[in-house]
PDB file of N, CA and C in Angstrom:
ATOM      1  N   UNK A   1       0.851  -1.177   0.000  1.00  0.00           N
ATOM      2  CA  UNK A   1       0.000   0.000   0.000  1.00  0.00           C
ATOM      3  C   UNK A   1       0.895   1.239   0.000  1.00  0.00           C
ATOM      4  N   UNK A   2       0.545   2.226  -0.785  1.00  0.00           N
ATOM      5  CA  UNK A   2       1.336   3.444  -0.896  1.00  0.00           C
ATOM      6  C   UNK A   2       0.515   4.653  -0.504  1.00  0.00           C
ATOM      7  N   UNK A   3       1.203   5.674   0.003  1.00  0.00           N
ATOM      8  CA  UNK A   3       0.575   6.979   0.218  1.00  0.00           C
ATOM      9  C   UNK A   3       0.535   7.673  -1.141  1.00  0.00           C
ATOM     10  N   UNK A   4      -0.382   8.580  -1.309  1.00  0.00           N
ATOM     11  CA  UNK A   4      -0.453   9.333  -2.553  1.00  0.00           C
ATOM     12  C   UNK A   4      -0.223  10.798  -2.251  1.00  0.00           C
ATOM     13  N   UNK A   5       0.648  11.416  -3.030  1.00  0.00           N
ATOM     14  CA  UNK A   5       0.935  12.829  -2.852  1.00  0.00           C
ATOM     15  C   UNK A   5      -0.203  13.692  -3.364  1.00  0.00           C
ATOM     16  N   UNK A   6      -0.147  14.973  -3.070  1.00  0.00           N
ATOM     17  CA  UNK A   6      -1.199  15.890  -3.501  1.00  0.00           C
ATOM     18  C   UNK A   6      -1.255  16.021  -5.020  1.00  0.00           C
ATOM     19  N   UNK A   7      -0.147  15.675  -5.689  1.00  0.00           N
ATOM     20  CA  UNK A   7      -0.129  15.746  -7.149  1.00  0.00           C
ATOM     21  C   UNK A   7      -0.542  14.418  -7.793  1.00  0.00           C
ATOM     22  N   UNK A   8      -0.943  13.436  -6.976  1.00  0.00           N
ATOM     23  CA  UNK A   8      -1.395  12.156  -7.497  1.00  0.00           C
ATOM     24  C   UNK A   8      -0.289  11.128  -7.677  1.00  0.00           C
ATOM     25  N   UNK A   9       0.961  11.511  -7.444  1.00  0.00           N
ATOM     26  CA  UNK A   9       2.070  10.575  -7.582  1.00  0.00           C
ATOM     27  C   UNK A   9       2.196   9.713  -6.336  1.00  0.00           C
ATOM     28  N   UNK A  10       2.704   8.486  -6.528  1.00  0.00           N
ATOM     29  CA  UNK A  10       2.929   7.600  -5.398  1.00  0.00           C
ATOM     30  C   UNK A  10       4.082   8.115  -4.552  1.00  0.00           C
ATOM     31  N   UNK A  11       3.931   7.965  -3.245  1.00  0.00           N
ATOM     32  CA  UNK A  11       4.998   8.301  -2.312  1.00  0.00           C
ATOM     33  C   UNK A  11       5.480   7.013  -1.667  1.00  0.00           C
ATOM     34  N   UNK A  12       6.036   7.101  -0.490  1.00  0.00           N
ATOM     35  CA  UNK A  12       6.559   5.938   0.216  1.00  0.00           C
ATOM     36  C   UNK A  12       5.453   4.962   0.597  1.00  0.00           C
ATOM     37  N   UNK A  13       5.851   3.719   0.758  1.00  0.00           N
ATOM     38  CA  UNK A  13       4.918   2.675   1.183  1.00  0.00           C
ATOM     39  C   UNK A  13       4.480   2.930   2.623  1.00  0.00           C
ATOM     40  N   UNK A  14       3.270   2.498   2.942  1.00  0.00           N
ATOM     41  CA  UNK A  14       2.802   2.532   4.320  1.00  0.00           C
ATOM     42  C   UNK A  14       3.367   1.300   5.005  1.00  0.00           C
ATOM     43  N   UNK A  15       4.132   1.501   6.072  1.00  0.00           N
ATOM     44  CA  UNK A  15       4.774   0.385   6.756  1.00  0.00           C
ATOM     45  C   UNK A  15       3.784  -0.410   7.583  1.00  0.00           C
ATOM     46  N   UNK A  16       3.994  -1.722   7.624  1.00  0.00           N
ATOM     47  CA  UNK A  16       3.282  -2.574   8.562  1.00  0.00           C
ATOM     48  C   UNK A  16       3.787  -2.205   9.952  1.00  0.00           C
ATOM     49  N   UNK A  17       2.878  -1.963  10.878  1.00  0.00           N
ATOM     50  CA  UNK A  17       3.278  -1.570  12.227  1.00  0.00           C
ATOM     51  C   UNK A  17       3.982  -2.718  12.937  1.00  0.00           C
ATOM     52  N   UNK A  18       4.986  -2.384  13.748  1.00  0.00           N
ATOM     53  CA  UNK A  18       5.772  -3.396  14.442  1.00  0.00           C
ATOM     54  C   UNK A  18       4.901  -4.328  15.279  1.00  0.00           C
ATOM     55  N   UNK A  19       3.921  -3.783  15.990  1.00  0.00           N
ATOM     56  CA  UNK A  19       3.104  -4.624  16.862  1.00  0.00           C
ATOM     57  C   UNK A  19       2.092  -5.475  16.083  1.00  0.00           C
ATOM     58  N   UNK A  20       1.923  -5.195  14.780  1.00  0.00           N
ATOM     59  CA  UNK A  20       1.004  -5.985  13.960  1.00  0.00           C
ATOM     60  C   UNK A  20       1.651  -7.245  13.385  1.00  0.00           C
ATOM     61  N   UNK A  21       2.968  -7.280  13.327  1.00  0.00           N
ATOM     62  CA  UNK A  21       3.651  -8.443  12.774  1.00  0.00           C
ATOM     63  C   UNK A  21       4.928  -8.705  13.547  1.00  0.00           C
ATOM     64  N   UNK A  22       4.995  -9.839  14.197  1.00  0.00           N
ATOM     65  CA  UNK A  22       6.121 -10.206  15.057  1.00  0.00           C
ATOM     66  C   UNK A  22       7.118 -11.130  14.380  1.00  0.00           C
ATOM     67  N   UNK A  23       6.848 -11.499  13.107  1.00  0.00           N
ATOM     68  CA  UNK A  23       7.712 -12.437  12.392  1.00  0.00           C
ATOM     69  C   UNK A  23       8.055 -11.912  11.002  1.00  0.00           C
ATOM     70  N   UNK A  24       9.108 -12.459  10.430  1.00  0.00           N
ATOM     71  CA  UNK A  24       9.538 -12.104   9.069  1.00  0.00           C
ATOM     72  C   UNK A  24       8.449 -12.480   8.068  1.00  0.00           C
ATOM     73  N   UNK A  25       8.157 -11.569   7.170  1.00  0.00           N
ATOM     74  CA  UNK A  25       7.137 -11.802   6.148  1.00  0.00           C
ATOM     75  C   UNK A  25       7.472 -13.015   5.280  1.00  0.00           C
ATOM     76  N   UNK A  26       8.737 -13.239   4.995  1.00  0.00           N
ATOM     77  CA  UNK A  26       9.153 -14.302   4.076  1.00  0.00           C
ATOM     78  C   UNK A  26       9.308 -15.653   4.771  1.00  0.00           C
ATOM     79  N   UNK A  27      10.091 -15.703   5.846  1.00  0.00           N
ATOM     80  CA  UNK A  27      10.422 -17.006   6.438  1.00  0.00           C
ATOM     81  C   UNK A  27       9.657 -17.323   7.719  1.00  0.00           C
ATOM     82  N   UNK A  28       9.043 -16.317   8.325  1.00  0.00           N
ATOM     83  CA  UNK A  28       8.264 -16.551   9.536  1.00  0.00           C
ATOM     84  C   UNK A  28       9.075 -16.599  10.810  1.00  0.00           C
ATOM     85  N   UNK A  29      10.388 -16.372  10.726  1.00  0.00           N
ATOM     86  CA  UNK A  29      11.210 -16.347  11.935  1.00  0.00           C
ATOM     87  C   UNK A  29      10.801 -15.172  12.810  1.00  0.00           C
ATOM     88  N   UNK A  30      10.769 -15.402  14.111  1.00  0.00           N
ATOM     89  CA  UNK A  30      10.375 -14.372  15.068  1.00  0.00           C
ATOM     90  C   UNK A  30      11.459 -13.300  15.175  1.00  0.00           C
ATOM     91  N   UNK A  31      11.033 -12.046  15.259  1.00  0.00           N
ATOM     92  CA  UNK A  31      11.976 -10.956  15.468  1.00  0.00           C
ATOM     93  C   UNK A  31      12.399 -10.946  16.932  1.00  0.00           C
ATOM     94  N   UNK A  32      13.694 -10.783  17.143  1.00  0.00           N
ATOM     95  CA  UNK A  32      14.253 -10.737  18.497  1.00  0.00           C
ATOM     96  C   UNK A  32      15.296  -9.630  18.542  1.00  0.00           C
ATOM     97  N   UNK A  33      15.999  -9.553  19.673  1.00  0.00           N
ATOM     98  CA  UNK A  33      17.066  -8.568  19.782  1.00  0.00           C
ATOM     99  C   UNK A  33      18.178  -8.876  18.769  1.00  0.00           C
ATOM    100  N   UNK A  34      18.357 -10.156  18.412  1.00  0.00           N
ATOM    101  CA  UNK A  34      19.416 -10.555  17.488  1.00  0.00           C
ATOM    102  C   UNK A  34      18.909 -10.701  16.064  1.00  0.00           C
ATOM    103  N   UNK A  35      17.653 -11.028  15.897  1.00  0.00           N
ATOM    104  CA  UNK A  35      17.044 -11.145  14.565  1.00  0.00           C
ATOM    105  C   UNK A  35      16.121  -9.940  14.372  1.00  0.00           C
ATOM    106  N   UNK A  36      16.712  -8.850  13.923  1.00  0.00           N
ATOM    107  CA  UNK A  36      15.996  -7.577  13.872  1.00  0.00           C
ATOM    108  C   UNK A  36      15.112  -7.469  12.641  1.00  0.00           C
ATOM    109  N   UNK A  37      14.071  -6.664  12.797  1.00  0.00           N
ATOM    110  CA  UNK A  37      13.149  -6.409  11.682  1.00  0.00           C
ATOM    111  C   UNK A  37      13.672  -5.229  10.870  1.00  0.00           C
ATOM    112  N   UNK A  38      13.472  -5.322   9.568  1.00  0.00           N
ATOM    113  CA  UNK A  38      13.838  -4.250   8.638  1.00  0.00           C
ATOM    114  C   UNK A  38      12.665  -4.080   7.685  1.00  0.00           C
ATOM    115  N   UNK A  39      12.162  -2.879   7.560  1.00  0.00           N
ATOM    116  CA  UNK A  39      11.046  -2.628   6.646  1.00  0.00           C
ATOM    117  C   UNK A  39      11.575  -2.312   5.251  1.00  0.00           C
ATOM    118  N   UNK A  40      10.997  -2.973   4.269  1.00  0.00           N
ATOM    119  CA  UNK A  40      11.302  -2.661   2.875  1.00  0.00           C
ATOM    120  C   UNK A  40      10.725  -1.278   2.589  1.00  0.00           C
ATOM    121  N   UNK A  41      11.523  -0.400   2.013  1.00  0.00           N
ATOM    122  CA  UNK A  41      11.062   0.960   1.729  1.00  0.00           C
ATOM    123  C   UNK A  41      10.123   1.005   0.533  1.00  0.00           C
ATOM    124  N   UNK A  42      10.050  -0.089  -0.222  1.00  0.00           N
ATOM    125  CA  UNK A  42       9.157  -0.122  -1.362  1.00  0.00           C
ATOM    126  C   UNK A  42       7.779  -0.660  -1.006  1.00  0.00           C
ATOM    127  N   UNK A  43       7.715  -1.799  -0.319  1.00  0.00           N
ATOM    128  CA  UNK A  43       6.409  -2.408  -0.010  1.00  0.00           C
ATOM    129  C   UNK A  43       5.965  -2.186   1.435  1.00  0.00           C
ATOM    130  N   UNK A  44       6.886  -1.826   2.324  1.00  0.00           N
ATOM    131  CA  UNK A  44       6.536  -1.532   3.709  1.00  0.00           C
ATOM    132  C   UNK A  44       6.428  -2.730   4.628  1.00  0.00           C
ATOM    133  N   UNK A  45       6.658  -3.932   4.090  1.00  0.00           N
ATOM    134  CA  UNK A  45       6.541  -5.135   4.923  1.00  0.00           C
ATOM    135  C   UNK A  45       7.833  -5.388   5.688  1.00  0.00           C
ATOM    136  N   UNK A  46       7.736  -6.015   6.888  1.00  0.00           N
ATOM    137  CA  UNK A  46       8.944  -6.298   7.680  1.00  0.00           C
ATOM    138  C   UNK A  46       9.584  -7.640   7.306  1.00  0.00           C
ATOM    139  N   UNK A  47      10.909  -7.624   7.220  1.00  0.00           N
ATOM    140  CA  UNK A  47      11.700  -8.804   6.904  1.00  0.00           C
ATOM    141  C   UNK A  47      12.892  -8.854   7.829  1.00  0.00           C
ATOM    142  N   UNK A  48      13.480 -10.046   7.983  1.00  0.00           N
ATOM    143  CA  UNK A  48      14.745 -10.097   8.696  1.00  0.00           C
ATOM    144  C   UNK A  48      15.870  -9.841   7.691  1.00  0.00           C
ATOM    145  N   UNK A  49      17.099  -9.805   8.175  1.00  0.00           N
ATOM    146  CA  UNK A  49      18.249  -9.443   7.342  1.00  0.00           C
ATOM    147  C   UNK A  49      18.406 -10.343   6.120  1.00  0.00           C
ATOM    148  N   UNK A  50      18.055 -11.629   6.274  1.00  0.00           N
ATOM    149  CA  UNK A  50      18.226 -12.568   5.153  1.00  0.00           C
ATOM    150  C   UNK A  50      17.415 -12.156   3.935  1.00  0.00           C
ATOM    151  N   UNK A  51      16.286 -11.501   4.157  1.00  0.00           N
ATOM    152  CA  UNK A  51      15.368 -11.179   3.059  1.00  0.00           C
ATOM    153  C   UNK A  51      15.233  -9.684   2.799  1.00  0.00           C
ATOM    154  N   UNK A  52      16.141  -8.884   3.377  1.00  0.00           N
ATOM    155  CA  UNK A  52      16.081  -7.434   3.131  1.00  0.00           C
ATOM    156  C   UNK A  52      17.478  -6.821   3.121  1.00  0.00           C
ATOM    157  N   UNK A  53      18.410  -7.520   2.520  1.00  0.00           N
ATOM    158  CA  UNK A  53      19.798  -7.054   2.552  1.00  0.00           C
ATOM    159  C   UNK A  53      20.169  -6.137   1.393  1.00  0.00           C
ATOM    160  N   UNK A  54      19.279  -5.978   0.429  1.00  0.00           N
ATOM    161  CA  UNK A  54      19.581  -5.144  -0.741  1.00  0.00           C
ATOM    162  C   UNK A  54      19.275  -3.672  -0.489  1.00  0.00           C
ATOM    163  N   UNK A  55      20.013  -2.825  -1.195  1.00  0.00           N
ATOM    164  CA  UNK A  55      19.704  -1.394  -1.250  1.00  0.00           C
ATOM    165  C   UNK A  55      19.683  -1.006  -2.719  1.00  0.00           C
ATOM    166  N   UNK A  56      18.690  -0.210  -3.091  1.00  0.00           N
ATOM    167  CA  UNK A  56      18.541   0.194  -4.489  1.00  0.00           C
ATOM    168  C   UNK A  56      17.898   1.574  -4.541  1.00  0.00           C
ATOM    169  N   UNK A  57      18.226   2.333  -5.561  1.00  0.00           N
ATOM    170  CA  UNK A  57      17.630   3.653  -5.754  1.00  0.00           C
ATOM    171  C   UNK A  57      16.178   3.457  -6.188  1.00  0.00           C
ATOM    172  N   UNK A  58      15.277   4.159  -5.510  1.00  0.00           N
ATOM    173  CA  UNK A  58      13.852   4.108  -5.837  1.00  0.00           C
ATOM    174  C   UNK A  58      13.436   5.496  -6.288  1.00  0.00           C
ATOM    175  N   UNK A  59      12.897   5.595  -7.482  1.00  0.00           N
ATOM    176  CA  UNK A  59      12.594   6.907  -8.055  1.00  0.00           C
ATOM    177  C   UNK A  59      11.617   7.707  -7.205  1.00  0.00           C
ATOM    178  N   UNK A  60      10.721   7.034  -6.476  1.00  0.00           N
ATOM    179  CA  UNK A  60       9.737   7.761  -5.676  1.00  0.00           C
ATOM    180  C   UNK A  60      10.301   8.227  -4.335  1.00  0.00           C
ATOM    181  N   UNK A  61      11.474   7.737  -3.956  1.00  0.00           N
ATOM    182  CA  UNK A  61      12.107   8.104  -2.688  1.00  0.00           C
ATOM    183  C   UNK A  61      13.515   8.603  -2.937  1.00  0.00           C
ATOM    184  N   UNK A  62      13.806   9.832  -2.649  1.00  0.00           N
ATOM    185  CA  UNK A  62      15.150  10.382  -2.811  1.00  0.00           C
ATOM    186  C   UNK A  62      15.931   9.634  -3.892  1.00  0.00           C
ATOM    187  N   UNK A  63      15.702   9.942  -5.134  1.00  0.00           N
ATOM    188  CA  UNK A  63      16.286   9.172  -6.225  1.00  0.00           C
ATOM    189  C   UNK A  63      17.812   9.120  -6.249  1.00  0.00           C
ATOM    190  N   UNK A  64      18.481   9.885  -5.411  1.00  0.00           N
ATOM    191  CA  UNK A  64      19.938   9.851  -5.407  1.00  0.00           C
ATOM    192  C   UNK A  64      20.503   8.940  -4.318  1.00  0.00           C
ATOM    193  N   UNK A  65      19.641   8.413  -3.445  1.00  0.00           N
ATOM    194  CA  UNK A  65      20.128   7.629  -2.307  1.00  0.00           C
ATOM    195  C   UNK A  65      19.487   6.239  -2.295  1.00  0.00           C
ATOM    196  N   UNK A  66      20.295   5.177  -2.334  1.00  0.00           N
ATOM    197  CA  UNK A  66      19.737   3.818  -2.280  1.00  0.00           C
ATOM    198  C   UNK A  66      19.003   3.567  -0.954  1.00  0.00           C
ATOM    199  N   UNK A  67      17.901   2.841  -1.042  1.00  0.00           N
ATOM    200  CA  UNK A  67      17.078   2.516   0.130  1.00  0.00           C
ATOM    201  C   UNK A  67      16.978   0.999   0.271  1.00  0.00           C
ATOM    202  N   UNK A  68      16.697   0.549   1.501  1.00  0.00           N
ATOM    203  CA  UNK A  68      16.556  -0.881   1.776  1.00  0.00           C
ATOM    204  C   UNK A  68      15.354  -1.450   1.035  1.00  0.00           C
ATOM    205  N   UNK A  69      15.560  -2.621   0.442  1.00  0.00           N
ATOM    206  CA  UNK A  69      14.478  -3.299  -0.280  1.00  0.00           C
ATOM    207  C   UNK A  69      14.506  -4.787   0.047  1.00  0.00           C
ATOM    208  N   UNK A  70      13.338  -5.383   0.126  1.00  0.00           N
ATOM    209  CA  UNK A  70      13.269  -6.834   0.292  1.00  0.00           C
ATOM    210  C   UNK A  70      13.720  -7.473  -1.021  1.00  0.00           C
ATOM    211  N   UNK A  71      14.030  -8.751  -0.966  1.00  0.00           N
ATOM    212  CA  UNK A  71      14.527  -9.450  -2.157  1.00  0.00           C
ATOM    213  C   UNK A  71      13.556  -9.348  -3.322  1.00  0.00           C
ATOM    214  N   UNK A  72      12.257  -9.511  -3.040  1.00  0.00           N
ATOM    215  CA  UNK A  72      11.242  -9.477  -4.100  1.00  0.00           C
ATOM    216  C   UNK A  72      11.169  -8.091  -4.749  1.00  0.00           C
ATOM    217  N   UNK A  73      11.071  -7.049  -3.944  1.00  0.00           N
ATOM    218  CA  UNK A  73      10.984  -5.685  -4.501  1.00  0.00           C
ATOM    219  C   UNK A  73      12.270  -5.314  -5.227  1.00  0.00           C
ATOM    220  N   UNK A  74      13.413  -5.739  -4.692  1.00  0.00           N
ATOM    221  CA  UNK A  74      14.685  -5.458  -5.347  1.00  0.00           C
ATOM    222  C   UNK A  74      14.676  -5.998  -6.776  1.00  0.00           C
ATOM    223  N   UNK A  75      14.241  -7.240  -6.938  1.00  0.00           N
ATOM    224  CA  UNK A  75      14.205  -7.858  -8.269  1.00  0.00           C
ATOM    225  C   UNK A  75      13.253  -7.117  -9.207  1.00  0.00           C
ATOM    226  N   UNK A  76      12.095  -6.731  -8.686  1.00  0.00           N
ATOM    227  CA  UNK A  76      11.100  -6.021  -9.499  1.00  0.00           C
ATOM    228  C   UNK A  76      11.628  -4.658  -9.936  1.00  0.00           C
ATOM    229  N   UNK A  77      12.181  -3.899  -8.993  1.00  0.00           N
ATOM    230  CA  UNK A  77      12.697  -2.558  -9.292  1.00  0.00           C
ATOM    231  C   UNK A  77      13.868  -2.644 -10.268  1.00  0.00           C
ATOM    232  N   UNK A  78      14.762  -3.611 -10.052  1.00  0.00           N
ATOM    233  CA  UNK A  78      15.909  -3.775 -10.937  1.00  0.00           C
ATOM    234  C   UNK A  78      15.453  -4.070 -12.359  1.00  0.00           C
ATOM    235  N   UNK A  79      14.461  -4.936 -12.509  1.00  0.00           N
ATOM    236  CA  UNK A  79      13.935  -5.252 -13.839  1.00  0.00           C
ATOM    237  C   UNK A  79      13.278  -4.025 -14.481  1.00  0.00           C
ATOM    238  N   UNK A  80      12.530  -3.253 -13.693  1.00  0.00           N
ATOM    239  CA  UNK A  80      11.913  -2.030 -14.219  1.00  0.00           C
ATOM    240  C   UNK A  80      12.972  -1.046 -14.687  1.00  0.00           C
ATOM    241  N   UNK A  81      14.054  -0.908 -13.912  1.00  0.00           N
ATOM    242  CA  UNK A  81      15.123   0.005 -14.290  1.00  0.00           C
ATOM    243  C   UNK A  81      15.814  -0.459 -15.570  1.00  0.00           C
ATOM    244  N   UNK A  82      16.006  -1.759 -15.690  1.00  0.00           N
ATOM    245  CA  UNK A  82      16.615  -2.294 -16.919  1.00  0.00           C
ATOM    246  C   UNK A  82      15.734  -2.009 -18.126  1.00  0.00           C
ATOM    247  N   UNK A  83      14.421  -2.215 -17.959  1.00  0.00           N
ATOM    248  CA  UNK A  83      13.487  -1.975 -19.064  1.00  0.00           C
ATOM    249  C   UNK A  83      13.450  -0.494 -19.430  1.00  0.00           C
ATOM    250  N   UNK A  84      13.519   0.391 -18.449  1.00  0.00           N
ATOM    251  CA  UNK A  84      13.492   1.835 -18.715  1.00  0.00           C
ATOM    252  C   UNK A  84      14.775   2.294 -19.402  1.00  0.00           C
ATOM    253  N   UNK A  85      15.888   1.647 -19.099  1.00  0.00           N
ATOM    254  CA  UNK A  85      17.162   2.025 -19.705  1.00  0.00           C
ATOM    255  C   UNK A  85      17.363   1.412 -21.084  1.00  0.00           C
ATOM    256  N   UNK A  86      16.667   0.303 -21.356  1.00  0.00           N
ATOM    257  CA  UNK A  86      16.784  -0.390 -22.636  1.00  0.00           C
ATOM    258  C   UNK A  86      15.415  -0.692 -23.194  1.00  0.00           C
ATOM    259  N   UNK A  87      14.638   0.322 -23.573  1.00  0.00           N
ATOM    260  CA  UNK A  87      13.292   0.062 -24.081  1.00  0.00           C
ATOM    261  C   UNK A  87      13.319  -0.760 -25.360  1.00  0.00           C
ATOM    262  N   UNK A  88      12.338  -1.653 -25.469  1.00  0.00           N
ATOM    263  CA  UNK A  88      12.226  -2.501 -26.665  1.00  0.00           C
ATOM    264  C   UNK A  88      11.575  -1.689 -27.795  1.00  0.00           C
ATOM    265  N   UNK A  89      12.036  -1.895 -29.036  1.00  0.00           N
ATOM    266  CA  UNK A  89      11.469  -1.132 -30.168  1.00  0.00           C
ATOM    267  C   UNK A  89      10.051  -1.578 -30.475  1.00  0.00           C
TER     268      UNK A  89
END
């Protein structure tokens, strides 16, 4: 889920609240002091380090600074960037 700016453009994802999800979205491991939660800046879901170790530039968020992304969003964004840089005729 994304917030929408006053100009109709998508902004940052709405994060899943910490108290609403106590486990990693991907593997289900419980978050602890040692297994910390990290929110994907693209989809807003919480993941542990194994599934949110990528950083990538997101055009809707400070396009000059890479942001944390889950493995799934990283792959999607990377493919979109490749397609935008190499459009098919």
